[in-house]
PDB file of all heavy atoms in Angstrom:
ATOM      1  N   ARG A   1       0.819  -1.220   0.000  1.00  0.00           N
ATOM      2  CA  ARG A   1       0.000   0.000   0.000  1.00  0.00           C
ATOM      3  C   ARG A   1       0.854   1.272   0.000  1.00  0.00           C
ATOM      4  O   ARG A   1       0.347   2.351  -0.306  1.00  0.00           O
ATOM      5  CB  ARG A   1      -0.918   0.004   1.225  1.00  0.00           C
ATOM      6  CG  ARG A   1      -2.108  -0.944   1.106  1.00  0.00           C
ATOM      7  CD  ARG A   1      -2.926  -0.889   2.369  1.00  0.00           C
ATOM      8  NE  ARG A   1      -4.227  -1.527   2.231  1.00  0.00           N
ATOM      9  CZ  ARG A   1      -5.149  -1.527   3.184  1.00  0.00           C
ATOM     10  NH1 ARG A   1      -4.900  -0.922   4.344  1.00  0.00           N
ATOM     11  NH2 ARG A   1      -6.305  -2.123   3.000  1.00  0.00           N
ATOM     12  N   GLY A   2       2.118   1.141   0.330  1.00  0.00           N
ATOM     13  CA  GLY A   2       3.006   2.298   0.308  1.00  0.00           C
ATOM     14  C   GLY A   2       3.687   2.516  -1.028  1.00  0.00           C
ATOM     15  O   GLY A   2       4.394   3.513  -1.215  1.00  0.00           O
ATOM     16  N   LEU A   3       3.478   1.596  -1.963  1.00  0.00           N
ATOM     17  CA  LEU A   3       4.133   1.667  -3.267  1.00  0.00           C
ATOM     18  C   LEU A   3       3.298   2.451  -4.279  1.00  0.00           C
ATOM     19  O   LEU A   3       2.069   2.541  -4.135  1.00  0.00           O
ATOM     20  CB  LEU A   3       4.367   0.254  -3.808  1.00  0.00           C
ATOM     21  CG  LEU A   3       5.359  -0.622  -3.039  1.00  0.00           C
ATOM     22  CD1 LEU A   3       5.322  -2.041  -3.585  1.00  0.00           C
ATOM     23  CD2 LEU A   3       6.770  -0.052  -3.131  1.00  0.00           C
ATOM     24  N   PRO A   4       3.939   2.970  -5.316  1.00  0.00           N
ATOM     25  CA  PRO A   4       3.164   3.561  -6.413  1.00  0.00           C
ATOM     26  C   PRO A   4       2.406   2.469  -7.159  1.00  0.00           C
ATOM     27  O   PRO A   4       2.639   1.268  -6.939  1.00  0.00           O
ATOM     28  CB  PRO A   4       4.241   4.206  -7.287  1.00  0.00           C
ATOM     29  CG  PRO A   4       5.491   3.437  -6.994  1.00  0.00           C
ATOM     30  CD  PRO A   4       5.394   3.043  -5.547  1.00  0.00           C
ATOM     31  N   SER A   5       1.525   2.871  -8.049  1.00  0.00           N
ATOM     32  CA  SER A   5       0.650   1.902  -8.727  1.00  0.00           C
ATOM     33  C   SER A   5       1.417   0.872  -9.545  1.00  0.00           C
ATOM     34  O   SER A   5       0.925  -0.235  -9.777  1.00  0.00           O
ATOM     35  CB  SER A   5      -0.347   2.640  -9.630  1.00  0.00           C
ATOM     36  OG  SER A   5       0.343   3.434 -10.584  1.00  0.00           O
ATOM     37  N   ASP A   6       2.616   1.232  -9.976  1.00  0.00           N
ATOM     38  CA  ASP A   6       3.427   0.280 -10.748  1.00  0.00           C
ATOM     39  C   ASP A   6       4.487  -0.407  -9.877  1.00  0.00           C
ATOM     40  O   ASP A   6       5.430  -1.003 -10.400  1.00  0.00           O
ATOM     41  CB  ASP A   6       4.099   0.971 -11.933  1.00  0.00           C
ATOM     42  CG  ASP A   6       5.015   2.122 -11.509  1.00  0.00           C
ATOM     43  OD1 ASP A   6       4.913   2.573 -10.352  1.00  0.00           O
ATOM     44  OD2 ASP A   6       5.827   2.562 -12.342  1.00  0.00           O
ATOM     45  N   GLY A   7       4.321  -0.339  -8.559  1.00  0.00           N
ATOM     46  CA  GLY A   7       5.263  -0.979  -7.644  1.00  0.00           C
ATOM     47  C   GLY A   7       5.091  -2.482  -7.593  1.00  0.00           C
ATOM     48  O   GLY A   7       4.087  -3.037  -8.065  1.00  0.00           O
ATOM     49  N   LYS A   8       6.079  -3.151  -6.992  1.00  0.00           N
ATOM     50  CA  LYS A   8       6.079  -4.620  -6.951  1.00  0.00           C
ATOM     51  C   LYS A   8       6.669  -5.107  -5.637  1.00  0.00           C
ATOM     52  O   LYS A   8       7.701  -4.607  -5.179  1.00  0.00           O
ATOM     53  CB  LYS A   8       6.917  -5.157  -8.122  1.00  0.00           C
ATOM     54  CG  LYS A   8       7.023  -6.670  -8.207  1.00  0.00           C
ATOM     55  CD  LYS A   8       5.783  -7.273  -8.822  1.00  0.00           C
ATOM     56  CE  LYS A   8       5.952  -8.766  -9.113  1.00  0.00           C
ATOM     57  NZ  LYS A   8       4.740  -9.349  -9.714  1.00  0.00           N
ATOM     58  N   VAL A   9       6.008  -6.088  -5.020  1.00  0.00           N
ATOM     59  CA  VAL A   9       6.546  -6.798  -3.865  1.00  0.00           C
ATOM     60  C   VAL A   9       6.732  -8.257  -4.254  1.00  0.00           C
ATOM     61  O   VAL A   9       5.797  -8.897  -4.749  1.00  0.00           O
ATOM     62  CB  VAL A   9       5.610  -6.732  -2.638  1.00  0.00           C
ATOM     63  CG1 VAL A   9       6.216  -7.514  -1.463  1.00  0.00           C
ATOM     64  CG2 VAL A   9       5.323  -5.295  -2.232  1.00  0.00           C
ATOM     65  N   ILE A  10       7.930  -8.772  -4.053  1.00  0.00           N
ATOM     66  CA  ILE A  10       8.158 -10.219  -4.128  1.00  0.00           C
ATOM     67  C   ILE A  10       8.339 -10.697  -2.696  1.00  0.00           C
ATOM     68  O   ILE A  10       9.193 -10.188  -1.964  1.00  0.00           O
ATOM     69  CB  ILE A  10       9.398 -10.560  -4.974  1.00  0.00           C
ATOM     70  CG1 ILE A  10       9.172 -10.151  -6.433  1.00  0.00           C
ATOM     71  CG2 ILE A  10       9.707 -12.058  -4.888  1.00  0.00           C
ATOM     72  CD1 ILE A  10      10.350 -10.431  -7.356  1.00  0.00           C
ATOM     73  N   THR A  11       7.525 -11.645  -2.280  1.00  0.00           N
ATOM     74  CA  THR A  11       7.563 -12.130  -0.908  1.00  0.00           C
ATOM     75  C   THR A  11       7.768 -13.645  -0.895  1.00  0.00           C
ATOM     76  O   THR A  11       7.198 -14.367  -1.713  1.00  0.00           O
ATOM     77  CB  THR A  11       6.289 -11.710  -0.139  1.00  0.00           C
ATOM     78  OG1 THR A  11       6.370 -12.129   1.224  1.00  0.00           O
ATOM     79  CG2 THR A  11       5.020 -12.256  -0.767  1.00  0.00           C
ATOM     80  N   LEU A  12       8.613 -14.107  -0.001  1.00  0.00           N
ATOM     81  CA  LEU A  12       9.020 -15.516   0.041  1.00  0.00           C
ATOM     82  C   LEU A  12       8.414 -16.200   1.257  1.00  0.00           C
ATOM     83  O   LEU A  12       8.526 -15.704   2.385  1.00  0.00           O
ATOM     84  CB  LEU A  12      10.543 -15.622   0.102  1.00  0.00           C
ATOM     85  CG  LEU A  12      11.342 -14.783  -0.907  1.00  0.00           C
ATOM     86  CD1 LEU A  12      12.836 -15.041  -0.724  1.00  0.00           C
ATOM     87  CD2 LEU A  12      10.904 -15.071  -2.327  1.00  0.00           C
ATOM     88  N   GLU A  13       7.783 -17.364   1.044  1.00  0.00           N
ATOM     89  CA  GLU A  13       7.151 -18.095   2.139  1.00  0.00           C
ATOM     90  C   GLU A  13       7.425 -19.592   2.005  1.00  0.00           C
ATOM     91  O   GLU A  13       7.199 -20.186   0.952  1.00  0.00           O
ATOM     92  CB  GLU A  13       5.640 -17.844   2.154  1.00  0.00           C
ATOM     93  CG  GLU A  13       4.874 -18.631   3.199  1.00  0.00           C
ATOM     94  CD  GLU A  13       5.417 -18.479   4.614  1.00  0.00           C
ATOM     95  OE1 GLU A  13       5.652 -17.324   5.029  1.00  0.00           O
ATOM     96  OE2 GLU A  13       5.631 -19.512   5.286  1.00  0.00           O
ATOM     97  N   LEU A  14       7.916 -20.177   3.083  1.00  0.00           N
ATOM     98  CA  LEU A  14       8.238 -21.609   3.089  1.00  0.00           C
ATOM     99  C   LEU A  14       6.998 -22.487   3.096  1.00  0.00           C
ATOM    100  O   LEU A  14       6.907 -23.463   2.358  1.00  0.00           O
ATOM    101  CB  LEU A  14       9.098 -21.927   4.320  1.00  0.00           C
ATOM    102  CG  LEU A  14       9.376 -23.408   4.606  1.00  0.00           C
ATOM    103  CD1 LEU A  14      10.221 -24.023   3.493  1.00  0.00           C
ATOM    104  CD2 LEU A  14      10.075 -23.566   5.956  1.00  0.00           C
ATOM    105  N   ASP A  15       6.018 -22.152   3.928  1.00  0.00           N
ATOM    106  CA  ASP A  15       4.874 -23.019   4.201  1.00  0.00           C
ATOM    107  C   ASP A  15       3.764 -22.811   3.170  1.00  0.00           C
ATOM    108  O   ASP A  15       3.212 -21.718   3.070  1.00  0.00           O
ATOM    109  CB  ASP A  15       4.347 -22.717   5.613  1.00  0.00           C
ATOM    110  CG  ASP A  15       3.334 -23.720   6.095  1.00  0.00           C
ATOM    111  OD1 ASP A  15       2.378 -24.014   5.342  1.00  0.00           O
ATOM    112  OD2 ASP A  15       3.474 -24.207   7.237  1.00  0.00           O
ATOM    113  N   PRO A  16       3.391 -23.868   2.414  1.00  0.00           N
ATOM    114  CA  PRO A  16       2.340 -23.712   1.398  1.00  0.00           C
ATOM    115  C   PRO A  16       1.004 -23.272   1.986  1.00  0.00           C
ATOM    116  O   PRO A  16       0.257 -22.522   1.343  1.00  0.00           O
ATOM    117  CB  PRO A  16       2.238 -25.114   0.778  1.00  0.00           C
ATOM    118  CG  PRO A  16       3.556 -25.750   1.042  1.00  0.00           C
ATOM    119  CD  PRO A  16       4.002 -25.214   2.371  1.00  0.00           C
ATOM    120  N   HIS A  17       0.695 -23.729   3.218  1.00  0.00           N
ATOM    121  CA  HIS A  17      -0.555 -23.322   3.854  1.00  0.00           C
ATOM    122  C   HIS A  17      -0.544 -21.829   4.155  1.00  0.00           C
ATOM    123  O   HIS A  17      -1.518 -21.115   3.878  1.00  0.00           O
ATOM    124  CB  HIS A  17      -0.770 -24.118   5.140  1.00  0.00           C
ATOM    125  CG  HIS A  17      -1.960 -23.671   5.937  1.00  0.00           C
ATOM    126  ND1 HIS A  17      -3.229 -23.638   5.426  1.00  0.00           N
ATOM    127  CD2 HIS A  17      -2.058 -23.209   7.222  1.00  0.00           C
ATOM    128  CE1 HIS A  17      -4.075 -23.196   6.348  1.00  0.00           C
ATOM    129  NE2 HIS A  17      -3.371 -22.917   7.444  1.00  0.00           N
ATOM    130  N   HIS A  18       0.562 -21.336   4.691  1.00  0.00           N
ATOM    131  CA  HIS A  18       0.683 -19.898   4.953  1.00  0.00           C
ATOM    132  C   HIS A  18       0.538 -19.116   3.648  1.00  0.00           C
ATOM    133  O   HIS A  18      -0.144 -18.083   3.605  1.00  0.00           O
ATOM    134  CB  HIS A  18       2.040 -19.574   5.583  1.00  0.00           C
ATOM    135  CG  HIS A  18       2.225 -20.150   6.943  1.00  0.00           C
ATOM    136  ND1 HIS A  18       3.395 -19.988   7.664  1.00  0.00           N
ATOM    137  CD2 HIS A  18       1.402 -20.884   7.730  1.00  0.00           C
ATOM    138  CE1 HIS A  18       3.282 -20.600   8.834  1.00  0.00           C
ATOM    139  NE2 HIS A  18       2.085 -21.156   8.890  1.00  0.00           N
ATOM    140  N   ALA A  19       1.191 -19.609   2.612  1.00  0.00           N
ATOM    141  CA  ALA A  19       1.146 -18.915   1.319  1.00  0.00           C
ATOM    142  C   ALA A  19      -0.265 -18.892   0.752  1.00  0.00           C
ATOM    143  O   ALA A  19      -0.691 -17.884   0.152  1.00  0.00           O
ATOM    144  CB  ALA A  19       2.097 -19.596   0.334  1.00  0.00           C
ATOM    145  N   GLU A  20      -1.001 -19.979   0.938  1.00  0.00           N
ATOM    146  CA  GLU A  20      -2.385 -20.029   0.450  1.00  0.00           C
ATOM    147  C   GLU A  20      -3.255 -18.992   1.168  1.00  0.00           C
ATOM    148  O   GLU A  20      -4.053 -18.293   0.542  1.00  0.00           O
ATOM    149  CB  GLU A  20      -2.954 -21.435   0.670  1.00  0.00           C
ATOM    150  CG  GLU A  20      -4.373 -21.615   0.155  1.00  0.00           C
ATOM    151  CD  GLU A  20      -4.903 -23.018   0.393  1.00  0.00           C
ATOM    152  OE1 GLU A  20      -4.192 -23.840   1.019  1.00  0.00           O
ATOM    153  OE2 GLU A  20      -6.039 -23.292  -0.044  1.00  0.00           O
ATOM    154  N   VAL A  21      -3.075 -18.898   2.484  1.00  0.00           N
ATOM    155  CA  VAL A  21      -3.822 -17.905   3.262  1.00  0.00           C
ATOM    156  C   VAL A  21      -3.422 -16.494   2.825  1.00  0.00           C
ATOM    157  O   VAL A  21      -4.275 -15.619   2.627  1.00  0.00           O
ATOM    158  CB  VAL A  21      -3.570 -18.099   4.770  1.00  0.00           C
ATOM    159  CG1 VAL A  21      -4.227 -16.986   5.587  1.00  0.00           C
ATOM    160  CG2 VAL A  21      -4.083 -19.463   5.226  1.00  0.00           C
ATOM    161  N   ALA A  22      -2.123 -16.282   2.650  1.00  0.00           N
ATOM    162  CA  ALA A  22      -1.633 -14.967   2.225  1.00  0.00           C
ATOM    163  C   ALA A  22      -2.191 -14.587   0.859  1.00  0.00           C
ATOM    164  O   ALA A  22      -2.587 -13.431   0.640  1.00  0.00           O
ATOM    165  CB  ALA A  22      -0.107 -14.967   2.199  1.00  0.00           C
ATOM    166  N   GLU A  23      -2.225 -15.540  -0.055  1.00  0.00           N
ATOM    167  CA  GLU A  23      -2.736 -15.249  -1.401  1.00  0.00           C
ATOM    168  C   GLU A  23      -4.184 -14.787  -1.341  1.00  0.00           C
ATOM    169  O   GLU A  23      -4.573 -13.813  -2.021  1.00  0.00           O
ATOM    170  CB  GLU A  23      -2.608 -16.489  -2.287  1.00  0.00           C
ATOM    171  CG  GLU A  23      -2.994 -16.252  -3.730  1.00  0.00           C
ATOM    172  CD  GLU A  23      -2.720 -17.449  -4.630  1.00  0.00           C
ATOM    173  OE1 GLU A  23      -2.464 -18.542  -4.102  1.00  0.00           O
ATOM    174  OE2 GLU A  23      -2.766 -17.279  -5.862  1.00  0.00           O
ATOM    175  N   ALA A  24      -4.998 -15.460  -0.507  1.00  0.00           N
ATOM    176  CA  ALA A  24      -6.398 -15.067  -0.360  1.00  0.00           C
ATOM    177  C   ALA A  24      -6.507 -13.690   0.283  1.00  0.00           C
ATOM    178  O   ALA A  24      -7.335 -12.861  -0.129  1.00  0.00           O
ATOM    179  CB  ALA A  24      -7.146 -16.105   0.478  1.00  0.00           C
ATOM    180  N   ASN A  25      -5.678 -13.429   1.285  1.00  0.00           N
ATOM    181  CA  ASN A  25      -5.695 -12.122   1.948  1.00  0.00           C
ATOM    182  C   ASN A  25      -5.299 -11.002   0.989  1.00  0.00           C
ATOM    183  O   ASN A  25      -5.906  -9.930   0.981  1.00  0.00           O
ATOM    184  CB  ASN A  25      -4.743 -12.123   3.144  1.00  0.00           C
ATOM    185  CG  ASN A  25      -5.274 -12.907   4.330  1.00  0.00           C
ATOM    186  OD1 ASN A  25      -6.487 -13.079   4.485  1.00  0.00           O
ATOM    187  ND2 ASN A  25      -4.378 -13.400   5.163  1.00  0.00           N
ATOM    188  N   ILE A  26      -4.279 -11.266   0.190  1.00  0.00           N
ATOM    189  CA  ILE A  26      -3.802 -10.267  -0.761  1.00  0.00           C
ATOM    190  C   ILE A  26      -4.858  -9.990  -1.832  1.00  0.00           C
ATOM    191  O   ILE A  26      -5.080  -8.837  -2.225  1.00  0.00           O
ATOM    192  CB  ILE A  26      -2.465 -10.734  -1.378  1.00  0.00           C
ATOM    193  CG1 ILE A  26      -1.355 -10.665  -0.312  1.00  0.00           C
ATOM    194  CG2 ILE A  26      -2.109  -9.921  -2.610  1.00  0.00           C
ATOM    195  CD1 ILE A  26      -0.112 -11.452  -0.663  1.00  0.00           C
ATOM    196  N   ALA A  27      -5.535 -11.033  -2.282  1.00  0.00           N
ATOM    197  CA  ALA A  27      -6.623 -10.852  -3.247  1.00  0.00           C
ATOM    198  C   ALA A  27      -7.750 -10.036  -2.625  1.00  0.00           C
ATOM    199  O   ALA A  27      -8.328  -9.147  -3.278  1.00  0.00           O
ATOM    200  CB  ALA A  27      -7.137 -12.213  -3.717  1.00  0.00           C
ATOM    201  N   HIS A  28      -8.070 -10.313  -1.375  1.00  0.00           N
ATOM    202  CA  HIS A  28      -9.109  -9.564  -0.666  1.00  0.00           C
ATOM    203  C   HIS A  28      -8.749  -8.083  -0.569  1.00  0.00           C
ATOM    204  O   HIS A  28      -9.634  -7.213  -0.643  1.00  0.00           O
ATOM    205  CB  HIS A  28      -9.305 -10.160   0.736  1.00  0.00           C
ATOM    206  CG  HIS A  28     -10.342  -9.473   1.561  1.00  0.00           C
ATOM    207  ND1 HIS A  28     -11.644  -9.293   1.141  1.00  0.00           N
ATOM    208  CD2 HIS A  28     -10.283  -8.918   2.802  1.00  0.00           C
ATOM    209  CE1 HIS A  28     -12.340  -8.664   2.073  1.00  0.00           C
ATOM    210  NE2 HIS A  28     -11.530  -8.414   3.088  1.00  0.00           N
ATOM    211  N   ALA A  29      -7.463  -7.803  -0.438  1.00  0.00           N
ATOM    212  CA  ALA A  29      -6.996  -6.412  -0.367  1.00  0.00           C
ATOM    213  C   ALA A  29      -6.890  -5.757  -1.745  1.00  0.00           C
ATOM    214  O   ALA A  29      -6.580  -4.568  -1.842  1.00  0.00           O
ATOM    215  CB  ALA A  29      -5.633  -6.356   0.332  1.00  0.00           C
ATOM    216  N   GLY A  30      -7.134  -6.523  -2.807  1.00  0.00           N
ATOM    217  CA  GLY A  30      -7.070  -5.985  -4.163  1.00  0.00           C
ATOM    218  C   GLY A  30      -5.663  -5.682  -4.629  1.00  0.00           C
ATOM    219  O   GLY A  30      -5.450  -4.806  -5.476  1.00  0.00           O
ATOM    220  N   LEU A  31      -4.681  -6.451  -4.117  1.00  0.00           N
ATOM    221  CA  LEU A  31      -3.281  -6.153  -4.416  1.00  0.00           C
ATOM    222  C   LEU A  31      -2.563  -7.293  -5.138  1.00  0.00           C
ATOM    223  O   LEU A  31      -1.338  -7.298  -5.230  1.00  0.00           O
ATOM    224  CB  LEU A  31      -2.538  -5.819  -3.116  1.00  0.00           C
ATOM    225  CG  LEU A  31      -2.991  -4.528  -2.417  1.00  0.00           C
ATOM    226  CD1 LEU A  31      -2.391  -4.434  -1.022  1.00  0.00           C
ATOM    227  CD2 LEU A  31      -2.619  -3.310  -3.245  1.00  0.00           C
ATOM    228  N   GLY A  32      -3.345  -8.228  -5.650  1.00  0.00           N
ATOM    229  CA  GLY A  32      -2.734  -9.373  -6.313  1.00  0.00           C
ATOM    230  C   GLY A  32      -1.851  -8.998  -7.491  1.00  0.00           C
ATOM    231  O   GLY A  32      -0.877  -9.699  -7.793  1.00  0.00           O
ATOM    232  N   HIS A  33      -2.160  -7.891  -8.148  1.00  0.00           N
ATOM    233  CA  HIS A  33      -1.383  -7.462  -9.313  1.00  0.00           C
ATOM    234  C   HIS A  33      -0.032  -6.871  -8.924  1.00  0.00           C
ATOM    235  O   HIS A  33       0.851  -6.725  -9.780  1.00  0.00           O
ATOM    236  CB  HIS A  33      -2.173  -6.413 -10.105  1.00  0.00           C
ATOM    237  CG  HIS A  33      -2.445  -5.161  -9.342  1.00  0.00           C
ATOM    238  ND1 HIS A  33      -3.305  -5.115  -8.266  1.00  0.00           N
ATOM    239  CD2 HIS A  33      -1.965  -3.889  -9.491  1.00  0.00           C
ATOM    240  CE1 HIS A  33      -3.356  -3.884  -7.789  1.00  0.00           C
ATOM    241  NE2 HIS A  33      -2.547  -3.134  -8.505  1.00  0.00           N
ATOM    242  N   MET A  34       0.141  -6.562  -7.630  1.00  0.00           N
ATOM    243  CA  MET A  34       1.379  -5.927  -7.178  1.00  0.00           C
ATOM    244  C   MET A  34       2.287  -6.875  -6.398  1.00  0.00           C
ATOM    245  O   MET A  34       3.440  -6.535  -6.144  1.00  0.00           O
ATOM    246  CB  MET A  34       1.066  -4.721  -6.280  1.00  0.00           C
ATOM    247  CG  MET A  34       0.323  -3.607  -6.968  1.00  0.00           C
ATOM    248  SD  MET A  34      -0.059  -2.237  -5.835  1.00  0.00           S
ATOM    249  CE  MET A  34       1.593  -1.612  -5.521  1.00  0.00           C
ATOM    250  N   ILE A  35       1.759  -8.025  -6.005  1.00  0.00           N
ATOM    251  CA  ILE A  35       2.485  -8.906  -5.087  1.00  0.00           C
ATOM    252  C   ILE A  35       2.649 -10.289  -5.695  1.00  0.00           C
ATOM    253  O   ILE A  35       1.678 -10.906  -6.148  1.00  0.00           O
ATOM    254  CB  ILE A  35       1.742  -9.019  -3.732  1.00  0.00           C
ATOM    255  CG1 ILE A  35       1.620  -7.640  -3.075  1.00  0.00           C
ATOM    256  CG2 ILE A  35       2.459 -10.004  -2.803  1.00  0.00           C
ATOM    257  CD1 ILE A  35       0.686  -7.607  -1.873  1.00  0.00           C
ATOM    258  N   GLN A  36       3.872 -10.775  -5.680  1.00  0.00           N
ATOM    259  CA  GLN A  36       4.168 -12.150  -6.113  1.00  0.00           C
ATOM    260  C   GLN A  36       4.647 -12.945  -4.909  1.00  0.00           C
ATOM    261  O   GLN A  36       5.627 -12.560  -4.261  1.00  0.00           O
ATOM    262  CB  GLN A  36       5.246 -12.177  -7.199  1.00  0.00           C
ATOM    263  CG  GLN A  36       5.624 -13.590  -7.623  1.00  0.00           C
ATOM    264  CD  GLN A  36       6.876 -13.641  -8.496  1.00  0.00           C
ATOM    265  OE1 GLN A  36       7.622 -12.673  -8.587  1.00  0.00           O
ATOM    266  NE2 GLN A  36       7.117 -14.776  -9.122  1.00  0.00           N
ATOM    267  N   ILE A  37       3.974 -14.053  -4.610  1.00  0.00           N
ATOM    268  CA  ILE A  37       4.412 -14.952  -3.544  1.00  0.00           C
ATOM    269  C   ILE A  37       5.194 -16.089  -4.180  1.00  0.00           C
ATOM    270  O   ILE A  37       4.705 -16.762  -5.095  1.00  0.00           O
ATOM    271  CB  ILE A  37       3.215 -15.534  -2.763  1.00  0.00           C
ATOM    272  CG1 ILE A  37       2.336 -14.431  -2.206  1.00  0.00           C
ATOM    273  CG2 ILE A  37       3.717 -16.445  -1.634  1.00  0.00           C
ATOM    274  CD1 ILE A  37       1.049 -14.943  -1.560  1.00  0.00           C
TER     275      ILE A  37
END
């Protein structure tokens, strides 16, 4: 949310369950286009 519209976050997660929850949360926040897990 602190990035400009063309910003990008790459985030690394070991646990597939955590990543699945994070992906749903990020989609809920409308930021899927800015974040790669």
